[in-house]
Amino acid sequence: MKDKRSLYQILFEPKSIDAVAPVPGALTYIILGFWTFVCLFPLYWLIVTSFKLPIQVHDGPMYLPGIDFKPSMHAWHYIFVVLGNDTVRPYLNTLLISVTSSVICVVIGSMAGYALTRISYRPKLASVLMFIGILILAIISVVWLGLAWQIALAAGLALYVVMLTTVGRRFTKSLHNNDIAFFMISQRILPPVAVVIPIYVLFQRVGLLDTHAALIITYTAVNLPIVVWLMRDFFESVPMDLEESAALDGASRYRVFFTIILPLSKPGLAATFLLVLILCWNEYLIALFLSTAKAQTLPLLIAAMNATRGPQWWYMSVVIIIMITPVVAITVVLQRFITRGLLIGAVKG
């Protein structure tokens, strides 16, 4: 049957609701192709630069290996053979610290987020303020007065218990779950540079400076509020009927959480884990202050390649490539979970 539509309708109007007209479809693919080129060109530039000699980088833009310039393995040989352990050690440090802190964040943050959606908390404001005040006094005692941290911790806990059982009873104003959640996410408003010096002094006093433990603890404390905030939204989308049915069958709250809630929240767990992993993997400021040689991470190694004669782009390109490869691989593996995690809650009925 002959198409009796006009030329305009043929080019700009689709035949059915699930089809795309030729002109809008062509424009869409052109825009997507251009944006794909914009996104992938930096990766291509890294790969090309990693196979250049220093003189070729300084000679100006060269885009096509074998045509514009002769590829060389000079930078790869230097990074993996000449540096050797100086490259492997930061790589393993980054992998260990980032994965460990991300797993801890997801485990603790998931339980905290679930608790904020299912349990009603009413902590007294006075008890919270007293805890913060005593914690500040303990830090001052360790940092400026030279008191042993074990003694400061024990004295602070004893003082807090005494004040909580005496003065704390006279105050009745309480916080709610939303107040607690907002307080957690507000910790990300504070710039890390404002607290990195006290954190440095604190770890120096306890003898954990330039260790994996110091970076793992700090990364976990910094990123934990994000996990709590995100997982709280994911858990709110899980129907309460499932938990109530399991509770009627005798399941405990822990069993409900680990056997029902977590399996249903795999998309959220995957998306949150990847986000925290990227934040830990690329962290520079905290690693700069808390590590020197033993716990050095890849961002510090890349920054150290800015020599006196300028950035060594050929070496930096190699390190950046091996740095982003694990994250890209994890993203590909978790892609189906991440897509569902980003869209969860978009349609509610």
C-alpha atoms as a PDB file:
ATOM      1  CA  MET A   1       0.000   0.000   0.000  1.00  0.00           C
ATOM      2  CA  LYS A   2       1.390   3.376  -1.008  1.00  0.00           C
ATOM      3  CA  ASP A   3       2.253   5.859   1.763  1.00  0.00           C
ATOM      4  CA  LYS A   4      -0.079   8.816   1.156  1.00  0.00           C
ATOM      5  CA  ARG A   5       1.544  11.027   3.774  1.00  0.00           C
ATOM      6  CA  SER A   6       3.257  14.246   2.782  1.00  0.00           C
ATOM      7  CA  LEU A   7       7.039  14.565   2.599  1.00  0.00           C
ATOM      8  CA  TYR A   8       7.081  16.478   5.888  1.00  0.00           C
ATOM      9  CA  GLN A   9       5.135  13.718   7.648  1.00  0.00           C
ATOM     10  CA  ILE A  10       7.384  11.027   6.212  1.00  0.00           C
ATOM     11  CA  LEU A  11      10.552  12.788   7.396  1.00  0.00           C
ATOM     12  CA  PHE A  12       9.439  14.225  10.742  1.00  0.00           C
ATOM     13  CA  GLU A  13       6.452  12.187  11.974  1.00  0.00           C
ATOM     14  CA  PRO A  14       6.823   8.519  13.066  1.00  0.00           C
ATOM     15  CA  LYS A  15       4.515   5.882  11.653  1.00  0.00           C
ATOM     16  CA  SER A  16       3.729   4.476  15.108  1.00  0.00           C
ATOM     17  CA  ILE A  17       4.287   5.312  18.742  1.00  0.00           C
ATOM     18  CA  ASP A  18       7.213   2.883  19.038  1.00  0.00           C
ATOM     19  CA  ALA A  19       8.982   4.136  15.891  1.00  0.00           C
ATOM     20  CA  VAL A  20      11.285   7.102  15.247  1.00  0.00           C
ATOM     21  CA  ALA A  21      10.980   9.460  12.284  1.00  0.00           C
ATOM     22  CA  PRO A  22      14.031   9.586   9.958  1.00  0.00           C
ATOM     23  CA  VAL A  23      15.118  13.178  10.599  1.00  0.00           C
ATOM     24  CA  PRO A  24      14.729  13.203  14.423  1.00  0.00           C
ATOM     25  CA  GLY A  25      16.366   9.758  14.542  1.00  0.00           C
ATOM     26  CA  ALA A  26      19.330  10.938  12.467  1.00  0.00           C
ATOM     27  CA  LEU A  27      19.745  14.070  14.610  1.00  0.00           C
ATOM     28  CA  THR A  28      19.585  11.979  17.774  1.00  0.00           C
ATOM     29  CA  TYR A  29      22.333   9.639  16.580  1.00  0.00           C
ATOM     30  CA  ILE A  30      24.483  12.566  15.457  1.00  0.00           C
ATOM     31  CA  ILE A  31      24.201  14.229  18.863  1.00  0.00           C
ATOM     32  CA  LEU A  32      24.846  10.951  20.703  1.00  0.00           C
ATOM     33  CA  GLY A  33      27.798  10.195  18.446  1.00  0.00           C
ATOM     34  CA  PHE A  34      29.295  13.626  19.061  1.00  0.00           C
ATOM     35  CA  TRP A  35      28.825  13.313  22.817  1.00  0.00           C
ATOM     36  CA  THR A  36      30.358   9.821  22.757  1.00  0.00           C
ATOM     37  CA  PHE A  37      33.370  11.270  20.954  1.00  0.00           C
ATOM     38  CA  VAL A  38      33.660  14.052  23.568  1.00  0.00           C
ATOM     39  CA  CYS A  39      33.510  11.524  26.429  1.00  0.00           C
ATOM     40  CA  LEU A  40      35.889   8.953  24.943  1.00  0.00           C
ATOM     41  CA  PHE A  41      38.458  11.278  23.382  1.00  0.00           C
ATOM     42  CA  PRO A  42      40.284  11.941  26.704  1.00  0.00           C
ATOM     43  CA  LEU A  43      40.713   8.170  27.132  1.00  0.00           C
ATOM     44  CA  TYR A  44      42.024   7.890  23.579  1.00  0.00           C
ATOM     45  CA  TRP A  45      44.390  10.794  24.261  1.00  0.00           C
ATOM     46  CA  LEU A  46      45.712   9.031  27.378  1.00  0.00           C
ATOM     47  CA  ILE A  47      46.344   5.815  25.469  1.00  0.00           C
ATOM     48  CA  VAL A  48      48.068   7.635  22.592  1.00  0.00           C
ATOM     49  CA  THR A  49      50.220   9.744  24.938  1.00  0.00           C
ATOM     50  CA  SER A  50      51.345   6.659  26.873  1.00  0.00           C
ATOM     51  CA  PHE A  51      53.046   5.386  23.683  1.00  0.00           C
ATOM     52  CA  LYS A  52      54.899   8.628  22.938  1.00  0.00           C
ATOM     53  CA  LEU A  53      58.460   9.633  23.718  1.00  0.00           C
ATOM     54  CA  PRO A  54      59.005  12.889  25.667  1.00  0.00           C
ATOM     55  CA  ILE A  55      60.229  14.662  22.493  1.00  0.00           C
ATOM     56  CA  GLN A  56      57.062  13.609  20.659  1.00  0.00           C
ATOM     57  CA  VAL A  57      54.853  15.053  23.413  1.00  0.00           C
ATOM     58  CA  HIS A  58      56.705  18.367  23.314  1.00  0.00           C
ATOM     59  CA  ASP A  59      56.555  18.530  19.495  1.00  0.00           C
ATOM     60  CA  GLY A  60      52.804  19.161  19.604  1.00  0.00           C
ATOM     61  CA  PRO A  61      49.563  17.281  18.957  1.00  0.00           C
ATOM     62  CA  MET A  62      49.987  13.877  17.324  1.00  0.00           C
ATOM     63  CA  TYR A  63      46.885  11.760  17.150  1.00  0.00           C
ATOM     64  CA  LEU A  64      47.509   8.667  14.981  1.00  0.00           C
ATOM     65  CA  PRO A  65      50.108   6.087  16.052  1.00  0.00           C
ATOM     66  CA  GLY A  66      52.148   4.830  13.130  1.00  0.00           C
ATOM     67  CA  ILE A  67      51.156   7.840  10.990  1.00  0.00           C
ATOM     68  CA  ASP A  68      51.856  10.981  13.034  1.00  0.00           C
ATOM     69  CA  PHE A  69      54.485   9.334  15.221  1.00  0.00           C
ATOM     70  CA  LYS A  70      56.186   5.995  15.868  1.00  0.00           C
ATOM     71  CA  PRO A  71      54.789   4.299  19.008  1.00  0.00           C
ATOM     72  CA  SER A  72      57.217   3.512  21.803  1.00  0.00           C
ATOM     73  CA  MET A  73      56.985   1.412  24.986  1.00  0.00           C
ATOM     74  CA  HIS A  74      59.350   3.779  26.789  1.00  0.00           C
ATOM     75  CA  ALA A  75      56.767   5.045  29.322  1.00  0.00           C
ATOM     76  CA  TRP A  76      55.365   1.563  30.036  1.00  0.00           C
ATOM     77  CA  HIS A  77      58.866   0.150  30.521  1.00  0.00           C
ATOM     78  CA  TYR A  78      59.743   2.946  32.931  1.00  0.00           C
ATOM     79  CA  ILE A  79      56.575   2.547  35.026  1.00  0.00           C
ATOM     80  CA  PHE A  80      56.611  -1.258  35.296  1.00  0.00           C
ATOM     81  CA  VAL A  81      60.344  -2.082  35.082  1.00  0.00           C
ATOM     82  CA  VAL A  82      62.378   0.935  36.193  1.00  0.00           C
ATOM     83  CA  LEU A  83      60.021   2.030  38.968  1.00  0.00           C
ATOM     84  CA  GLY A  84      58.806  -1.512  39.574  1.00  0.00           C
ATOM     85  CA  ASN A  85      57.883  -1.766  43.244  1.00  0.00           C
ATOM     86  CA  ASP A  86      57.347   2.006  43.458  1.00  0.00           C
ATOM     87  CA  THR A  87      54.388   1.500  41.097  1.00  0.00           C
ATOM     88  CA  VAL A  88      53.086  -1.807  42.431  1.00  0.00           C
ATOM     89  CA  ARG A  89      53.097  -0.708  46.081  1.00  0.00           C
ATOM     90  CA  PRO A  90      50.850   2.386  45.604  1.00  0.00           C
ATOM     91  CA  TYR A  91      48.597   0.318  43.338  1.00  0.00           C
ATOM     92  CA  LEU A  92      48.117  -2.396  45.957  1.00  0.00           C
ATOM     93  CA  ASN A  93      47.717   0.239  48.670  1.00  0.00           C
ATOM     94  CA  THR A  94      44.967   1.957  46.702  1.00  0.00           C
ATOM     95  CA  LEU A  95      43.217  -1.347  46.017  1.00  0.00           C
ATOM     96  CA  LEU A  96      43.366  -2.509  49.643  1.00  0.00           C
ATOM     97  CA  ILE A  97      42.401   0.801  51.231  1.00  0.00           C
ATOM     98  CA  SER A  98      39.619   1.669  48.773  1.00  0.00           C
ATOM     99  CA  VAL A  99      37.941  -1.750  48.702  1.00  0.00           C
ATOM    100  CA  THR A 100      38.197  -2.264  52.469  1.00  0.00           C
ATOM    101  CA  SER A 101      36.823   1.154  53.374  1.00  0.00           C
ATOM    102  CA  SER A 102      34.057   0.845  50.752  1.00  0.00           C
ATOM    103  CA  VAL A 103      32.952  -2.541  52.086  1.00  0.00           C
ATOM    104  CA  ILE A 104      32.961  -1.255  55.671  1.00  0.00           C
ATOM    105  CA  CYS A 105      30.987   1.818  54.623  1.00  0.00           C
ATOM    106  CA  VAL A 106      28.364  -0.249  52.807  1.00  0.00           C
ATOM    107  CA  VAL A 107      27.984  -2.763  55.653  1.00  0.00           C
ATOM    108  CA  ILE A 108      27.716  -0.220  58.467  1.00  0.00           C
ATOM    109  CA  GLY A 109      25.865   2.367  56.388  1.00  0.00           C
ATOM    110  CA  SER A 110      23.281  -0.168  55.217  1.00  0.00           C
ATOM    111  CA  MET A 111      22.465  -1.223  58.760  1.00  0.00           C
ATOM    112  CA  ALA A 112      22.289   2.400  59.881  1.00  0.00           C
ATOM    113  CA  GLY A 113      20.087   3.375  56.938  1.00  0.00           C
ATOM    114  CA  TYR A 114      17.745   0.458  57.583  1.00  0.00           C
ATOM    115  CA  ALA A 115      17.510   1.347  61.255  1.00  0.00           C
ATOM    116  CA  LEU A 116      16.587   4.946  60.416  1.00  0.00           C
ATOM    117  CA  THR A 117      13.705   3.740  58.213  1.00  0.00           C
ATOM    118  CA  ARG A 118      12.291   1.070  60.543  1.00  0.00           C
ATOM    119  CA  ILE A 119      13.137   2.138  64.105  1.00  0.00           C
ATOM    120  CA  SER A 120      12.038   5.363  65.744  1.00  0.00           C
ATOM    121  CA  TYR A 121      14.873   7.027  67.652  1.00  0.00           C
ATOM    122  CA  ARG A 122      14.488   9.747  70.280  1.00  0.00           C
ATOM    123  CA  PRO A 123      17.991  10.615  71.549  1.00  0.00           C
ATOM    124  CA  LYS A 124      18.130  13.562  73.901  1.00  0.00           C
ATOM    125  CA  LEU A 125      19.779  16.636  72.451  1.00  0.00           C
ATOM    126  CA  ALA A 126      21.687  17.222  75.691  1.00  0.00           C
ATOM    127  CA  SER A 127      23.304  13.770  75.583  1.00  0.00           C
ATOM    128  CA  VAL A 128      24.497  14.385  72.018  1.00  0.00           C
ATOM    129  CA  LEU A 129      25.937  17.809  72.853  1.00  0.00           C
ATOM    130  CA  MET A 130      27.658  16.431  75.949  1.00  0.00           C
ATOM    131  CA  PHE A 131      29.245  13.643  73.910  1.00  0.00           C
ATOM    132  CA  ILE A 132      30.558  16.138  71.330  1.00  0.00           C
ATOM    133  CA  GLY A 133      31.893  18.427  74.062  1.00  0.00           C
ATOM    134  CA  ILE A 134      33.671  15.630  75.923  1.00  0.00           C
ATOM    135  CA  LEU A 135      35.108  14.321  72.634  1.00  0.00           C
ATOM    136  CA  ILE A 136      36.534  17.780  71.893  1.00  0.00           C
ATOM    137  CA  LEU A 137      38.052  17.932  75.385  1.00  0.00           C
ATOM    138  CA  ALA A 138      39.633  14.493  74.919  1.00  0.00           C
ATOM    139  CA  ILE A 139      41.160  15.541  71.590  1.00  0.00           C
ATOM    140  CA  ILE A 140      42.516  18.754  73.121  1.00  0.00           C
ATOM    141  CA  SER A 141      44.007  16.735  75.990  1.00  0.00           C
ATOM    142  CA  VAL A 142      45.789  14.397  73.585  1.00  0.00           C
ATOM    143  CA  VAL A 143      46.942  16.958  71.018  1.00  0.00           C
ATOM    144  CA  TRP A 144      47.861  20.006  73.108  1.00  0.00           C
ATOM    145  CA  LEU A 145      48.336  18.697  76.654  1.00  0.00           C
ATOM    146  CA  GLY A 146      50.238  15.554  75.649  1.00  0.00           C
ATOM    147  CA  LEU A 147      47.962  13.179  77.589  1.00  0.00           C
ATOM    148  CA  ALA A 148      48.053   9.526  76.525  1.00  0.00           C
ATOM    149  CA  TRP A 149      45.075   8.755  74.310  1.00  0.00           C
ATOM    150  CA  GLN A 150      44.181   5.653  76.344  1.00  0.00           C
ATOM    151  CA  ILE A 151      43.850   7.750  79.498  1.00  0.00           C
ATOM    152  CA  ALA A 152      41.955  10.513  77.699  1.00  0.00           C
ATOM    153  CA  LEU A 153      39.512   7.959  76.239  1.00  0.00           C
ATOM    154  CA  ALA A 154      38.860   6.261  79.568  1.00  0.00           C
ATOM    155  CA  ALA A 155      38.433   9.571  81.399  1.00  0.00           C
ATOM    156  CA  GLY A 156      36.118  10.894  78.688  1.00  0.00           C
ATOM    157  CA  LEU A 157      33.873   7.814  78.814  1.00  0.00           C
ATOM    158  CA  ALA A 158      33.672   7.955  82.598  1.00  0.00           C
ATOM    159  CA  LEU A 159      32.847  11.675  82.550  1.00  0.00           C
ATOM    160  CA  TYR A 160      30.183  11.135  79.881  1.00  0.00           C
ATOM    161  CA  VAL A 161      28.467   8.374  81.887  1.00  0.00           C
ATOM    162  CA  VAL A 162      28.458  10.547  85.008  1.00  0.00           C
ATOM    163  CA  MET A 163      27.034  13.582  83.211  1.00  0.00           C
ATOM    164  CA  LEU A 164      24.493  11.456  81.336  1.00  0.00           C
ATOM    165  CA  THR A 165      23.091   9.972  84.551  1.00  0.00           C
ATOM    166  CA  THR A 166      23.004  13.287  86.404  1.00  0.00           C
ATOM    167  CA  VAL A 167      22.780  16.466  84.354  1.00  0.00           C
ATOM    168  CA  GLY A 168      21.441  14.764  81.228  1.00  0.00           C
ATOM    169  CA  ARG A 169      18.191  13.699  82.936  1.00  0.00           C
ATOM    170  CA  ARG A 170      17.087  17.301  83.368  1.00  0.00           C
ATOM    171  CA  PHE A 171      16.775  17.954  79.637  1.00  0.00           C
ATOM    172  CA  THR A 172      13.831  16.535  77.691  1.00  0.00           C
ATOM    173  CA  LYS A 173      14.222  17.859  74.133  1.00  0.00           C
ATOM    174  CA  SER A 174      14.806  14.959  71.742  1.00  0.00           C
ATOM    175  CA  LEU A 175      15.944  14.487  68.170  1.00  0.00           C
ATOM    176  CA  HIS A 176      14.082  12.460  65.522  1.00  0.00           C
ATOM    177  CA  ASN A 177      15.171  10.175  62.695  1.00  0.00           C
ATOM    178  CA  ASN A 178      15.108  12.968  60.126  1.00  0.00           C
ATOM    179  CA  ASP A 179      17.307  15.100  62.381  1.00  0.00           C
ATOM    180  CA  ILE A 180      19.812  12.260  62.672  1.00  0.00           C
ATOM    181  CA  ALA A 181      19.849  11.676  58.898  1.00  0.00           C
ATOM    182  CA  PHE A 182      20.335  15.386  58.193  1.00  0.00           C
ATOM    183  CA  PHE A 183      23.136  15.588  60.754  1.00  0.00           C
ATOM    184  CA  MET A 184      24.910  12.685  59.032  1.00  0.00           C
ATOM    185  CA  ILE A 185      24.716  14.137  55.542  1.00  0.00           C
ATOM    186  CA  SER A 186      25.671  17.584  56.849  1.00  0.00           C
ATOM    187  CA  GLN A 187      29.105  16.171  57.681  1.00  0.00           C
ATOM    188  CA  ARG A 188      29.824  16.235  53.939  1.00  0.00           C
ATOM    189  CA  ILE A 189      29.211  19.988  53.882  1.00  0.00           C
ATOM    190  CA  LEU A 190      32.335  20.508  55.971  1.00  0.00           C
ATOM    191  CA  PRO A 191      35.372  20.690  53.645  1.00  0.00           C
ATOM    192  CA  PRO A 192      37.992  18.030  54.477  1.00  0.00           C
ATOM    193  CA  VAL A 193      40.776  20.620  54.446  1.00  0.00           C
ATOM    194  CA  ALA A 194      39.229  22.181  57.573  1.00  0.00           C
ATOM    195  CA  VAL A 195      39.759  19.041  59.660  1.00  0.00           C
ATOM    196  CA  VAL A 196      42.684  17.300  58.001  1.00  0.00           C
ATOM    197  CA  ILE A 197      45.287  18.940  60.282  1.00  0.00           C
ATOM    198  CA  PRO A 198      43.618  17.762  63.544  1.00  0.00           C
ATOM    199  CA  ILE A 199      43.209  14.308  62.004  1.00  0.00           C
ATOM    200  CA  TYR A 200      46.912  14.307  61.106  1.00  0.00           C
ATOM    201  CA  VAL A 201      47.936  15.237  64.638  1.00  0.00           C
ATOM    202  CA  LEU A 202      45.553  12.670  66.117  1.00  0.00           C
ATOM    203  CA  PHE A 203      46.958   9.776  64.085  1.00  0.00           C
ATOM    204  CA  GLN A 204      50.470  10.992  64.777  1.00  0.00           C
ATOM    205  CA  ARG A 205      49.797  10.826  68.515  1.00  0.00           C
ATOM    206  CA  VAL A 206      48.373   7.302  68.376  1.00  0.00           C
ATOM    207  CA  GLY A 207      51.186   6.062  66.110  1.00  0.00           C
ATOM    208  CA  LEU A 208      49.045   5.259  63.063  1.00  0.00           C
ATOM    209  CA  LEU A 209      50.437   7.847  60.668  1.00  0.00           C
ATOM    210  CA  ASP A 210      51.382   6.471  57.232  1.00  0.00           C
ATOM    211  CA  THR A 211      49.463   3.223  57.776  1.00  0.00           C
ATOM    212  CA  HIS A 212      46.621   1.492  55.977  1.00  0.00           C
ATOM    213  CA  ALA A 213      44.519   1.659  59.128  1.00  0.00           C
ATOM    214  CA  ALA A 214      44.672   5.460  59.261  1.00  0.00           C
ATOM    215  CA  LEU A 215      43.466   5.869  55.685  1.00  0.00           C
ATOM    216  CA  ILE A 216      40.787   3.173  55.992  1.00  0.00           C
ATOM    217  CA  ILE A 217      39.391   4.722  59.182  1.00  0.00           C
ATOM    218  CA  THR A 218      39.386   8.233  57.708  1.00  0.00           C
ATOM    219  CA  TYR A 219      37.907   7.207  54.341  1.00  0.00           C
ATOM    220  CA  THR A 220      35.183   5.269  56.162  1.00  0.00           C
ATOM    221  CA  ALA A 221      34.328   8.195  58.429  1.00  0.00           C
ATOM    222  CA  VAL A 222      34.205  10.622  55.494  1.00  0.00           C
ATOM    223  CA  ASN A 223      32.055   8.487  53.171  1.00  0.00           C
ATOM    224  CA  LEU A 224      29.795   6.754  55.701  1.00  0.00           C
ATOM    225  CA  PRO A 225      27.195   9.601  55.755  1.00  0.00           C
ATOM    226  CA  ILE A 226      26.709   9.265  51.975  1.00  0.00           C
ATOM    227  CA  VAL A 227      26.023   5.529  52.301  1.00  0.00           C
ATOM    228  CA  VAL A 228      23.531   6.050  55.135  1.00  0.00           C
ATOM    229  CA  TRP A 229      21.683   8.739  53.187  1.00  0.00           C
ATOM    230  CA  LEU A 230      21.506   6.736  49.941  1.00  0.00           C
ATOM    231  CA  MET A 231      20.628   3.366  51.475  1.00  0.00           C
ATOM    232  CA  ARG A 232      17.955   5.011  53.593  1.00  0.00           C
ATOM    233  CA  ASP A 233      16.135   6.014  50.401  1.00  0.00           C
ATOM    234  CA  PHE A 234      16.522   2.525  48.911  1.00  0.00           C
ATOM    235  CA  PHE A 235      15.149   0.816  52.023  1.00  0.00           C
ATOM    236  CA  GLU A 236      12.151   3.142  52.112  1.00  0.00           C
ATOM    237  CA  SER A 237      11.087   1.746  48.720  1.00  0.00           C
ATOM    238  CA  VAL A 238      10.928  -1.831  50.097  1.00  0.00           C
ATOM    239  CA  PRO A 239       7.328  -2.722  51.094  1.00  0.00           C
ATOM    240  CA  MET A 240       6.747  -3.164  54.812  1.00  0.00           C
ATOM    241  CA  ASP A 241       4.355  -6.071  54.131  1.00  0.00           C
ATOM    242  CA  LEU A 242       7.282  -8.390  53.389  1.00  0.00           C
ATOM    243  CA  GLU A 243       8.884  -7.692  56.751  1.00  0.00           C
ATOM    244  CA  GLU A 244       5.624  -8.011  58.631  1.00  0.00           C
ATOM    245  CA  SER A 245       4.908 -11.377  56.994  1.00  0.00           C
ATOM    246  CA  ALA A 246       8.376 -12.643  57.906  1.00  0.00           C
ATOM    247  CA  ALA A 247       7.988 -11.351  61.471  1.00  0.00           C
ATOM    248  CA  LEU A 248       4.707 -13.247  61.818  1.00  0.00           C
ATOM    249  CA  ASP A 249       6.568 -16.417  60.823  1.00  0.00           C
ATOM    250  CA  GLY A 250       9.027 -15.859  63.644  1.00  0.00           C
ATOM    251  CA  ALA A 251      11.915 -14.221  61.772  1.00  0.00           C
ATOM    252  CA  SER A 252      14.065 -11.844  63.814  1.00  0.00           C
ATOM    253  CA  ARG A 253      14.873  -8.334  62.652  1.00  0.00           C
ATOM    254  CA  TYR A 254      18.432  -9.387  61.751  1.00  0.00           C
ATOM    255  CA  ARG A 255      17.171 -12.328  59.700  1.00  0.00           C
ATOM    256  CA  VAL A 256      14.677 -10.085  57.915  1.00  0.00           C
ATOM    257  CA  PHE A 257      17.441  -7.609  57.133  1.00  0.00           C
ATOM    258  CA  PHE A 258      19.966 -10.119  55.793  1.00  0.00           C
ATOM    259  CA  THR A 259      17.596 -12.520  53.986  1.00  0.00           C
ATOM    260  CA  ILE A 260      14.890 -10.186  52.665  1.00  0.00           C
ATOM    261  CA  ILE A 261      15.948  -6.528  52.686  1.00  0.00           C
ATOM    262  CA  LEU A 262      19.510  -6.869  51.413  1.00  0.00           C
ATOM    263  CA  PRO A 263      18.657  -9.210  48.480  1.00  0.00           C
ATOM    264  CA  LEU A 264      15.909  -6.821  47.399  1.00  0.00           C
ATOM    265  CA  SER A 265      18.339  -3.897  47.671  1.00  0.00           C
ATOM    266  CA  LYS A 266      21.129  -5.323  45.487  1.00  0.00           C
ATOM    267  CA  PRO A 267      20.788  -2.495  42.912  1.00  0.00           C
ATOM    268  CA  GLY A 268      21.146   0.105  45.637  1.00  0.00           C
ATOM    269  CA  LEU A 269      24.059  -1.722  47.247  1.00  0.00           C
ATOM    270  CA  ALA A 270      25.896  -2.000  43.926  1.00  0.00           C
ATOM    271  CA  ALA A 271      25.364   1.654  42.987  1.00  0.00           C
ATOM    272  CA  THR A 272      26.336   2.887  46.452  1.00  0.00           C
ATOM    273  CA  PHE A 273      29.406   0.638  46.634  1.00  0.00           C
ATOM    274  CA  LEU A 274      30.650   1.868  43.263  1.00  0.00           C
ATOM    275  CA  LEU A 275      30.122   5.519  44.219  1.00  0.00           C
ATOM    276  CA  VAL A 276      32.042   5.121  47.488  1.00  0.00           C
ATOM    277  CA  LEU A 277      34.769   3.099  45.757  1.00  0.00           C
ATOM    278  CA  ILE A 278      35.314   5.893  43.227  1.00  0.00           C
ATOM    279  CA  LEU A 279      35.466   8.505  46.000  1.00  0.00           C
ATOM    280  CA  CYS A 280      38.030   6.459  47.933  1.00  0.00           C
ATOM    281  CA  TRP A 281      39.994   5.508  44.817  1.00  0.00           C
ATOM    282  CA  ASN A 282      40.463   9.127  43.742  1.00  0.00           C
ATOM    283  CA  GLU A 283      40.963  10.677  47.184  1.00  0.00           C
ATOM    284  CA  TYR A 284      44.030  12.919  47.210  1.00  0.00           C
ATOM    285  CA  LEU A 285      43.941  15.443  50.067  1.00  0.00           C
ATOM    286  CA  ILE A 286      43.525  12.966  52.931  1.00  0.00           C
ATOM    287  CA  ALA A 287      46.123  10.597  51.460  1.00  0.00           C
ATOM    288  CA  LEU A 288      48.536  13.510  51.035  1.00  0.00           C
ATOM    289  CA  PHE A 289      48.430  14.366  54.744  1.00  0.00           C
ATOM    290  CA  LEU A 290      48.158  10.889  56.278  1.00  0.00           C
ATOM    291  CA  SER A 291      50.647   8.927  54.144  1.00  0.00           C
ATOM    292  CA  THR A 292      54.209   9.329  52.918  1.00  0.00           C
ATOM    293  CA  ALA A 293      55.843   6.157  51.566  1.00  0.00           C
ATOM    294  CA  LYS A 294      54.379   2.988  53.111  1.00  0.00           C
ATOM    295  CA  ALA A 295      50.701   3.812  52.519  1.00  0.00           C
ATOM    296  CA  GLN A 296      51.138   5.979  49.421  1.00  0.00           C
ATOM    297  CA  THR A 297      48.246   5.744  46.932  1.00  0.00           C
ATOM    298  CA  LEU A 298      48.037   6.192  43.167  1.00  0.00           C
ATOM    299  CA  PRO A 299      46.768   9.814  43.205  1.00  0.00           C
ATOM    300  CA  LEU A 300      49.942  10.767  45.092  1.00  0.00           C
ATOM    301  CA  LEU A 301      52.087   8.857  42.614  1.00  0.00           C
ATOM    302  CA  ILE A 302      50.503  10.738  39.717  1.00  0.00           C
ATOM    303  CA  ALA A 303      50.986  14.094  41.443  1.00  0.00           C
ATOM    304  CA  ALA A 304      54.639  13.232  42.101  1.00  0.00           C
ATOM    305  CA  MET A 305      55.266  13.001  38.358  1.00  0.00           C
ATOM    306  CA  ASN A 306      55.094  16.765  38.030  1.00  0.00           C
ATOM    307  CA  ALA A 307      58.844  17.224  37.715  1.00  0.00           C
ATOM    308  CA  THR A 308      60.900  20.426  37.778  1.00  0.00           C
ATOM    309  CA  ARG A 309      60.691  20.682  33.972  1.00  0.00           C
ATOM    310  CA  GLY A 310      56.915  20.267  33.961  1.00  0.00           C
ATOM    311  CA  PRO A 311      54.407  17.414  34.095  1.00  0.00           C
ATOM    312  CA  GLN A 312      55.676  14.133  32.669  1.00  0.00           C
ATOM    313  CA  TRP A 313      52.550  13.454  30.636  1.00  0.00           C
ATOM    314  CA  TRP A 314      53.879  10.210  29.106  1.00  0.00           C
ATOM    315  CA  TYR A 315      54.415   8.610  32.527  1.00  0.00           C
ATOM    316  CA  MET A 316      51.242  10.091  33.999  1.00  0.00           C
ATOM    317  CA  SER A 317      49.188   8.665  31.139  1.00  0.00           C
ATOM    318  CA  VAL A 318      50.376   5.124  31.888  1.00  0.00           C
ATOM    319  CA  VAL A 319      49.600   5.424  35.603  1.00  0.00           C
ATOM    320  CA  ILE A 320      46.185   6.963  34.924  1.00  0.00           C
ATOM    321  CA  ILE A 321      45.317   4.128  32.547  1.00  0.00           C
ATOM    322  CA  ILE A 322      46.185   1.420  35.066  1.00  0.00           C
ATOM    323  CA  MET A 323      44.421   3.448  37.757  1.00  0.00           C
ATOM    324  CA  ILE A 324      41.054   3.711  36.003  1.00  0.00           C
ATOM    325  CA  THR A 325      41.059   0.162  34.583  1.00  0.00           C
ATOM    326  CA  PRO A 326      39.819  -1.617  37.775  1.00  0.00           C
ATOM    327  CA  VAL A 327      37.028   0.923  38.310  1.00  0.00           C
ATOM    328  CA  VAL A 328      35.885   0.573  34.698  1.00  0.00           C
ATOM    329  CA  ALA A 329      35.947  -3.224  35.029  1.00  0.00           C
ATOM    330  CA  ILE A 330      33.876  -3.126  38.239  1.00  0.00           C
ATOM    331  CA  THR A 331      31.431  -0.734  36.576  1.00  0.00           C
ATOM    332  CA  VAL A 332      30.956  -3.117  33.667  1.00  0.00           C
ATOM    333  CA  VAL A 333      30.365  -6.052  36.025  1.00  0.00           C
ATOM    334  CA  LEU A 334      27.862  -4.136  38.180  1.00  0.00           C
ATOM    335  CA  GLN A 335      26.231  -2.289  35.282  1.00  0.00           C
ATOM    336  CA  ARG A 336      22.876  -4.061  35.401  1.00  0.00           C
ATOM    337  CA  PHE A 337      22.607  -3.527  39.154  1.00  0.00           C
ATOM    338  CA  ILE A 338      23.690   0.104  38.868  1.00  0.00           C
ATOM    339  CA  THR A 339      21.069   0.872  36.213  1.00  0.00           C
ATOM    340  CA  ARG A 340      18.319  -0.563  38.380  1.00  0.00           C
ATOM    341  CA  GLY A 341      19.721   1.206  41.418  1.00  0.00           C
ATOM    342  CA  LEU A 342      19.646   4.596  39.713  1.00  0.00           C
ATOM    343  CA  LEU A 343      16.086   4.087  38.477  1.00  0.00           C
ATOM    344  CA  ILE A 344      14.658   2.562  41.638  1.00  0.00           C
ATOM    345  CA  GLY A 345      11.952   4.726  43.067  1.00  0.00           C
ATOM    346  CA  ALA A 346      11.485   6.632  39.814  1.00  0.00           C
ATOM    347  CA  VAL A 347       8.114   4.922  39.292  1.00  0.00           C
ATOM    348  CA  LYS A 348       5.966   4.159  42.300  1.00  0.00           C
ATOM    349  CA  GLY A 349       2.488   2.810  42.084  1.00  0.00           C
END
